[in-house]
PDB file of N, CA and C in Angstrom:
ATOM      1  N   MET A   1      -9.997   3.942   3.523  1.00  0.00           N
ATOM      2  CA  MET A   1      -9.153   4.330   2.396  1.00  0.00           C
ATOM      3  C   MET A   1      -9.095   5.846   2.277  1.00  0.00           C
ATOM      4  N   ILE A   2      -8.071   6.286   1.622  1.00  0.00           N
ATOM      5  CA  ILE A   2      -7.847   7.717   1.441  1.00  0.00           C
ATOM      6  C   ILE A   2      -8.489   8.164   0.125  1.00  0.00           C
ATOM      7  N   ASN A   3      -9.080   9.323   0.149  1.00  0.00           N
ATOM      8  CA  ASN A   3      -9.746   9.881  -1.024  1.00  0.00           C
ATOM      9  C   ASN A   3      -8.756  10.099  -2.166  1.00  0.00           C
ATOM     10  N   LYS A   4      -9.193   9.813  -3.390  1.00  0.00           N
ATOM     11  CA  LYS A   4      -8.365   9.941  -4.600  1.00  0.00           C
ATOM     12  C   LYS A   4      -7.829  11.367  -4.777  1.00  0.00           C
ATOM     13  N   LYS A   5      -8.536  12.362  -4.288  1.00  0.00           N
ATOM     14  CA  LYS A   5      -8.097  13.738  -4.484  1.00  0.00           C
ATOM     15  C   LYS A   5      -6.789  14.044  -3.749  1.00  0.00           C
ATOM     16  N   TYR A   6      -6.414  13.200  -2.798  1.00  0.00           N
ATOM     17  CA  TYR A   6      -5.161  13.389  -2.061  1.00  0.00           C
ATOM     18  C   TYR A   6      -3.999  12.587  -2.645  1.00  0.00           C
ATOM     19  N   GLU A   7      -4.248  11.904  -3.741  1.00  0.00           N
ATOM     20  CA  GLU A   7      -3.228  11.031  -4.341  1.00  0.00           C
ATOM     21  C   GLU A   7      -1.926  11.771  -4.634  1.00  0.00           C
ATOM     22  N   PHE A   8      -1.989  12.924  -5.231  1.00  0.00           N
ATOM     23  CA  PHE A   8      -0.791  13.704  -5.586  1.00  0.00           C
ATOM     24  C   PHE A   8       0.038  14.012  -4.344  1.00  0.00           C
ATOM     25  N   TYR A   9      -0.605  14.397  -3.272  1.00  0.00           N
ATOM     26  CA  TYR A   9       0.109  14.758  -2.045  1.00  0.00           C
ATOM     27  C   TYR A   9       0.739  13.542  -1.368  1.00  0.00           C
ATOM     28  N   ILE A  10       0.006  12.464  -1.330  1.00  0.00           N
ATOM     29  CA  ILE A  10       0.538  11.244  -0.718  1.00  0.00           C
ATOM     30  C   ILE A  10       1.674  10.690  -1.562  1.00  0.00           C
ATOM     31  N   PHE A  11       1.480  10.668  -2.877  1.00  0.00           N
ATOM     32  CA  PHE A  11       2.529  10.211  -3.783  1.00  0.00           C
ATOM     33  C   PHE A  11       3.786  11.055  -3.607  1.00  0.00           C
ATOM     34  N   SER A  12       3.631  12.358  -3.597  1.00  0.00           N
ATOM     35  CA  SER A  12       4.765  13.269  -3.422  1.00  0.00           C
ATOM     36  C   SER A  12       5.452  13.057  -2.081  1.00  0.00           C
ATOM     37  N   PHE A  13       4.668  12.868  -1.045  1.00  0.00           N
ATOM     38  CA  PHE A  13       5.196  12.632   0.300  1.00  0.00           C
ATOM     39  C   PHE A  13       6.087  11.390   0.316  1.00  0.00           C
ATOM     40  N   ILE A  14       5.572  10.295  -0.225  1.00  0.00           N
ATOM     41  CA  ILE A  14       6.314   9.031  -0.200  1.00  0.00           C
ATOM     42  C   ILE A  14       7.535   9.075  -1.109  1.00  0.00           C
ATOM     43  N   VAL A  15       7.378   9.577  -2.316  1.00  0.00           N
ATOM     44  CA  VAL A  15       8.503   9.634  -3.260  1.00  0.00           C
ATOM     45  C   VAL A  15       9.624  10.514  -2.719  1.00  0.00           C
ATOM     46  N   THR A  16       9.290  11.663  -2.160  1.00  0.00           N
ATOM     47  CA  THR A  16      10.343  12.540  -1.644  1.00  0.00           C
ATOM     48  C   THR A  16      11.028  11.941  -0.424  1.00  0.00           C
ATOM     49  N   MET A  17      10.298  11.170   0.373  1.00  0.00           N
ATOM     50  CA  MET A  17      10.935  10.500   1.508  1.00  0.00           C
ATOM     51  C   MET A  17      12.004   9.526   1.028  1.00  0.00           C
ATOM     52  N   PHE A  18      11.638   8.668   0.074  1.00  0.00           N
ATOM     53  CA  PHE A  18      12.595   7.689  -0.433  1.00  0.00           C
ATOM     54  C   PHE A  18      13.744   8.354  -1.183  1.00  0.00           C
ATOM     55  N   MET A  19      13.421   9.292  -2.029  1.00  0.00           N
ATOM     56  CA  MET A  19      14.436   9.949  -2.851  1.00  0.00           C
ATOM     57  C   MET A  19      15.444  10.702  -1.990  1.00  0.00           C
ATOM     58  N   SER A  20      14.968  11.485  -1.043  1.00  0.00           N
ATOM     59  CA  SER A  20      15.888  12.237  -0.188  1.00  0.00           C
ATOM     60  C   SER A  20      16.693  11.303   0.713  1.00  0.00           C
ATOM     61  N   PHE A  21      16.090  10.186   1.137  1.00  0.00           N
ATOM     62  CA  PHE A  21      16.795   9.209   1.960  1.00  0.00           C
ATOM     63  C   PHE A  21      17.961   8.590   1.185  1.00  0.00           C
ATOM     64  N   ILE A  22      17.691   8.166  -0.034  1.00  0.00           N
ATOM     65  CA  ILE A  22      18.724   7.538  -0.867  1.00  0.00           C
ATOM     66  C   ILE A  22      19.817   8.531  -1.234  1.00  0.00           C
ATOM     67  N   ILE A  23      19.431   9.691  -1.713  1.00  0.00           N
ATOM     68  CA  ILE A  23      20.415  10.686  -2.161  1.00  0.00           C
ATOM     69  C   ILE A  23      21.263  11.183  -0.996  1.00  0.00           C
ATOM     70  N   SER A  24      20.650  11.463   0.138  1.00  0.00           N
ATOM     71  CA  SER A  24      21.439  11.938   1.279  1.00  0.00           C
ATOM     72  C   SER A  24      22.416  10.867   1.742  1.00  0.00           C
ATOM     73  N   GLY A  25      21.992   9.608   1.721  1.00  0.00           N
ATOM     74  CA  GLY A  25      22.886   8.519   2.098  1.00  0.00           C
ATOM     75  C   GLY A  25      24.074   8.398   1.162  1.00  0.00           C
ATOM     76  N   ILE A  26      23.811   8.474  -0.122  1.00  0.00           N
ATOM     77  CA  ILE A  26      24.890   8.397  -1.114  1.00  0.00           C
ATOM     78  C   ILE A  26      25.853   9.560  -0.954  1.00  0.00           C
ATOM     79  N   LEU A  27      25.333  10.756  -0.764  1.00  0.00           N
ATOM     80  CA  LEU A  27      26.197  11.923  -0.605  1.00  0.00           C
ATOM     81  C   LEU A  27      27.036  11.859   0.667  1.00  0.00           C
ATOM     82  N   ILE A  28      26.475  11.319   1.727  1.00  0.00           N
ATOM     83  CA  ILE A  28      27.250  11.162   2.965  1.00  0.00           C
ATOM     84  C   ILE A  28      28.398  10.187   2.730  1.00  0.00           C
ATOM     85  N   VAL A  29      28.110   9.057   2.071  1.00  0.00           N
ATOM     86  CA  VAL A  29      29.165   8.067   1.787  1.00  0.00           C
ATOM     87  C   VAL A  29      30.239   8.669   0.891  1.00  0.00           C
ATOM     88  N   VAL A  30      29.839   9.368  -0.148  1.00  0.00           N
ATOM     89  CA  VAL A  30      30.805   9.961  -1.082  1.00  0.00           C
ATOM     90  C   VAL A  30      31.678  11.000  -0.386  1.00  0.00           C
ATOM     91  N   ASN A  31      31.078  11.838   0.432  1.00  0.00           N
ATOM     92  CA  ASN A  31      31.826  12.934   1.048  1.00  0.00           C
ATOM     93  C   ASN A  31      32.558  12.563   2.331  1.00  0.00           C
ATOM     94  N   LEU A  32      31.993  11.657   3.125  1.00  0.00           N
ATOM     95  CA  LEU A  32      32.599  11.321   4.409  1.00  0.00           C
ATOM     96  C   LEU A  32      33.067   9.879   4.513  1.00  0.00           C
ATOM     97  N   GLY A  33      32.475   9.005   3.701  1.00  0.00           N
ATOM     98  CA  GLY A  33      32.734   7.581   3.856  1.00  0.00           C
ATOM     99  C   GLY A  33      31.905   7.042   5.013  1.00  0.00           C
ATOM    100  N   PHE A  34      32.194   5.806   5.408  1.00  0.00           N
ATOM    101  CA  PHE A  34      31.468   5.198   6.527  1.00  0.00           C
ATOM    102  C   PHE A  34      32.189   5.549   7.824  1.00  0.00           C
ATOM    103  N   VAL A  35      31.827   6.679   8.390  1.00  0.00           N
ATOM    104  CA  VAL A  35      32.475   7.201   9.594  1.00  0.00           C
ATOM    105  C   VAL A  35      31.686   6.789  10.838  1.00  0.00           C
ATOM    106  N   ASN A  36      32.271   7.057  12.008  1.00  0.00           N
ATOM    107  CA  ASN A  36      31.534   6.851  13.255  1.00  0.00           C
ATOM    108  C   ASN A  36      30.272   7.703  13.224  1.00  0.00           C
ATOM    109  N   LYS A  37      29.218   7.190  13.790  1.00  0.00           N
ATOM    110  CA  LYS A  37      27.919   7.875  13.838  1.00  0.00           C
ATOM    111  C   LYS A  37      27.342   8.101  12.437  1.00  0.00           C
ATOM    112  N   PHE A  38      27.705   7.230  11.486  1.00  0.00           N
ATOM    113  CA  PHE A  38      27.230   7.362  10.106  1.00  0.00           C
ATOM    114  C   PHE A  38      25.711   7.451  10.049  1.00  0.00           C
ATOM    115  N   LEU A  39      25.038   6.523  10.735  1.00  0.00           N
ATOM    116  CA  LEU A  39      23.581   6.498  10.691  1.00  0.00           C
ATOM    117  C   LEU A  39      22.979   7.787  11.245  1.00  0.00           C
ATOM    118  N   PHE A  40      23.516   8.301  12.338  1.00  0.00           N
ATOM    119  CA  PHE A  40      23.036   9.552  12.916  1.00  0.00           C
ATOM    120  C   PHE A  40      23.220  10.708  11.926  1.00  0.00           C
ATOM    121  N   ILE A  41      24.393  10.774  11.307  1.00  0.00           N
ATOM    122  CA  ILE A  41      24.682  11.836  10.327  1.00  0.00           C
ATOM    123  C   ILE A  41      23.732  11.731   9.136  1.00  0.00           C
ATOM    124  N   TRP A  42      23.526  10.487   8.671  1.00  0.00           N
ATOM    125  CA  TRP A  42      22.648  10.255   7.524  1.00  0.00           C
ATOM    126  C   TRP A  42      21.219  10.676   7.847  1.00  0.00           C
ATOM    127  N   LEU A  43      20.688  10.232   8.965  1.00  0.00           N
ATOM    128  CA  LEU A  43      19.309  10.577   9.314  1.00  0.00           C
ATOM    129  C   LEU A  43      19.135  12.073   9.549  1.00  0.00           C
ATOM    130  N   ASN A  44      20.145  12.701  10.108  1.00  0.00           N
ATOM    131  CA  ASN A  44      20.105  14.146  10.309  1.00  0.00           C
ATOM    132  C   ASN A  44      20.078  14.883   8.966  1.00  0.00           C
ATOM    133  N   ALA A  45      20.895  14.425   8.033  1.00  0.00           N
ATOM    134  CA  ALA A  45      20.906  15.035   6.694  1.00  0.00           C
ATOM    135  C   ALA A  45      19.600  14.732   5.963  1.00  0.00           C
ATOM    136  N   TRP A  46      19.093  13.504   6.158  1.00  0.00           N
ATOM    137  CA  TRP A  46      17.889  13.092   5.438  1.00  0.00           C
ATOM    138  C   TRP A  46      16.682  13.936   5.802  1.00  0.00           C
ATOM    139  N   TRP A  47      16.397  14.135   7.100  1.00  0.00           N
ATOM    140  CA  TRP A  47      15.177  14.873   7.438  1.00  0.00           C
ATOM    141  C   TRP A  47      15.270  16.320   6.966  1.00  0.00           C
ATOM    142  N   LYS A  48      16.480  16.880   6.963  1.00  0.00           N
ATOM    143  CA  LYS A  48      16.643  18.248   6.459  1.00  0.00           C
ATOM    144  C   LYS A  48      16.404  18.301   4.953  1.00  0.00           C
ATOM    145  N   ALA A  49      16.906  17.304   4.240  1.00  0.00           N
ATOM    146  CA  ALA A  49      16.697  17.241   2.789  1.00  0.00           C
ATOM    147  C   ALA A  49      15.219  17.033   2.473  1.00  0.00           C
ATOM    148  N   TRP A  50      14.562  16.191   3.252  1.00  0.00           N
ATOM    149  CA  TRP A  50      13.162  15.912   2.986  1.00  0.00           C
ATOM    150  C   TRP A  50      12.285  17.144   3.224  1.00  0.00           C
ATOM    151  N   ILE A  51      12.617  17.931   4.226  1.00  0.00           N
ATOM    152  CA  ILE A  51      11.847  19.146   4.511  1.00  0.00           C
ATOM    153  C   ILE A  51      11.892  20.119   3.329  1.00  0.00           C
ATOM    154  N   VAL A  52      12.981  20.103   2.593  1.00  0.00           N
ATOM    155  CA  VAL A  52      13.091  20.942   1.394  1.00  0.00           C
ATOM    156  C   VAL A  52      12.447  20.243   0.197  1.00  0.00           C
ATOM    157  N   ALA A  53      12.664  18.938   0.080  1.00  0.00           N
ATOM    158  CA  ALA A  53      12.201  18.185  -1.091  1.00  0.00           C
ATOM    159  C   ALA A  53      10.683  18.147  -1.213  1.00  0.00           C
ATOM    160  N   PHE A  54       9.986  17.869  -0.132  1.00  0.00           N
ATOM    161  CA  PHE A  54       8.533  17.697  -0.216  1.00  0.00           C
ATOM    162  C   PHE A  54       7.809  18.951  -0.705  1.00  0.00           C
ATOM    163  N   PRO A  55       7.998  20.106  -0.066  1.00  0.00           N
ATOM    164  CA  PRO A  55       7.300  21.291  -0.593  1.00  0.00           C
ATOM    165  C   PRO A  55       7.783  21.691  -1.994  1.00  0.00           C
ATOM    166  N   SER A  56       9.052  21.435  -2.279  1.00  0.00           N
ATOM    167  CA  SER A  56       9.572  21.758  -3.611  1.00  0.00           C
ATOM    168  C   SER A  56       8.835  20.982  -4.689  1.00  0.00           C
ATOM    169  N   VAL A  57       8.634  19.691  -4.447  1.00  0.00           N
ATOM    170  CA  VAL A  57       7.938  18.846  -5.416  1.00  0.00           C
ATOM    171  C   VAL A  57       6.495  19.298  -5.596  1.00  0.00           C
ATOM    172  N   LEU A  58       5.865  19.751  -4.536  1.00  0.00           N
ATOM    173  CA  LEU A  58       4.474  20.209  -4.645  1.00  0.00           C
ATOM    174  C   LEU A  58       4.343  21.387  -5.602  1.00  0.00           C
ATOM    175  N   PHE A  59       5.379  22.198  -5.707  1.00  0.00           N
ATOM    176  CA  PHE A  59       5.347  23.346  -6.622  1.00  0.00           C
ATOM    177  C   PHE A  59       5.965  23.027  -7.978  1.00  0.00           C
ATOM    178  N   ILE A  60       6.966  22.182  -7.994  1.00  0.00           N
ATOM    179  CA  ILE A  60       7.690  21.903  -9.234  1.00  0.00           C
ATOM    180  C   ILE A  60       6.889  21.011 -10.185  1.00  0.00           C
ATOM    181  N   ILE A  61       6.234  19.976  -9.679  1.00  0.00           N
ATOM    182  CA  ILE A  61       5.510  19.056 -10.563  1.00  0.00           C
ATOM    183  C   ILE A  61       4.433  19.761 -11.387  1.00  0.00           C
ATOM    184  N   PRO A  62       3.575  20.588 -10.810  1.00  0.00           N
ATOM    185  CA  PRO A  62       2.583  21.279 -11.650  1.00  0.00           C
ATOM    186  C   PRO A  62       3.241  22.186 -12.706  1.00  0.00           C
ATOM    187  N   PHE A  63       4.332  22.827 -12.345  1.00  0.00           N
ATOM    188  CA  PHE A  63       5.047  23.677 -13.303  1.00  0.00           C
ATOM    189  C   PHE A  63       5.602  22.838 -14.449  1.00  0.00           C
ATOM    190  N   VAL A  64       6.223  21.718 -14.132  1.00  0.00           N
ATOM    191  CA  VAL A  64       6.801  20.847 -15.159  1.00  0.00           C
ATOM    192  C   VAL A  64       5.702  20.282 -16.054  1.00  0.00           C
ATOM    193  N   LYS A  65       4.553  19.955 -15.491  1.00  0.00           N
ATOM    194  CA  LYS A  65       3.433  19.461 -16.294  1.00  0.00           C
ATOM    195  C   LYS A  65       2.992  20.502 -17.316  1.00  0.00           C
ATOM    196  N   LYS A  66       2.958  21.773 -16.907  1.00  0.00           N
ATOM    197  CA  LYS A  66       2.564  22.842 -17.832  1.00  0.00           C
ATOM    198  C   LYS A  66       3.594  23.017 -18.939  1.00  0.00           C
ATOM    199  N   VAL A  67       4.856  22.963 -18.572  1.00  0.00           N
ATOM    200  CA  VAL A  67       5.926  23.093 -19.571  1.00  0.00           C
ATOM    201  C   VAL A  67       5.869  21.914 -20.543  1.00  0.00           C
ATOM    202  N   MET A  68       5.715  20.715 -20.031  1.00  0.00           N
ATOM    203  CA  MET A  68       5.672  19.527 -20.880  1.00  0.00           C
ATOM    204  C   MET A  68       4.462  19.535 -21.807  1.00  0.00           C
ATOM    205  N   ALA A  69       3.352  20.074 -21.345  1.00  0.00           N
ATOM    206  CA  ALA A  69       2.141  20.145 -22.173  1.00  0.00           C
ATOM    207  C   ALA A  69       2.399  20.940 -23.449  1.00  0.00           C
ATOM    208  N   LYS A  70       3.327  21.888 -23.402  1.00  0.00           N
ATOM    209  CA  LYS A  70       3.649  22.684 -24.580  1.00  0.00           C
ATOM    210  C   LYS A  70       4.481  21.898 -25.586  1.00  0.00           C
ATOM    211  N   PHE A  71       5.163  20.875 -25.131  1.00  0.00           N
ATOM    212  CA  PHE A  71       6.058  20.111 -25.993  1.00  0.00           C
ATOM    213  C   PHE A  71       5.448  18.770 -26.463  1.00  0.00           C
ATOM    214  N   ILE A  72       4.402  18.313 -25.814  1.00  0.00           N
ATOM    215  CA  ILE A  72       3.815  17.018 -26.124  1.00  0.00           C
ATOM    216  C   ILE A  72       2.568  17.210 -26.969  1.00  0.00           C
ATOM    217  N   LYS A  73       2.477  16.417 -28.039  1.00  0.00           N
ATOM    218  CA  LYS A  73       1.277  16.447 -28.885  1.00  0.00           C
ATOM    219  C   LYS A  73       0.174  15.639 -28.250  1.00  0.00           C
ATOM    220  N   ASN A  74      -1.054  16.092 -28.427  1.00  0.00           N
ATOM    221  CA  ASN A  74      -2.217  15.314 -27.950  1.00  0.00           C
ATOM    222  C   ASN A  74      -2.727  14.429 -29.038  1.00  0.00           C
TER     223      ASN A  74
END
């Protein structure tokens, strides 16, 4: 099993994979439709989106947690 201290990173890794996969697919359909080589275009867009999404989430989530802590009562 994986150590609990890595939970945030693994969670972020998996969530960004699914999220970027879904969003890139939807955007390809909206902008191009179901064209020849659709799957190739989608996967090409997906890995590029994921490369941006994963590190972004690693920095954005802690920032959002700090901002939310100011607005949420304990």
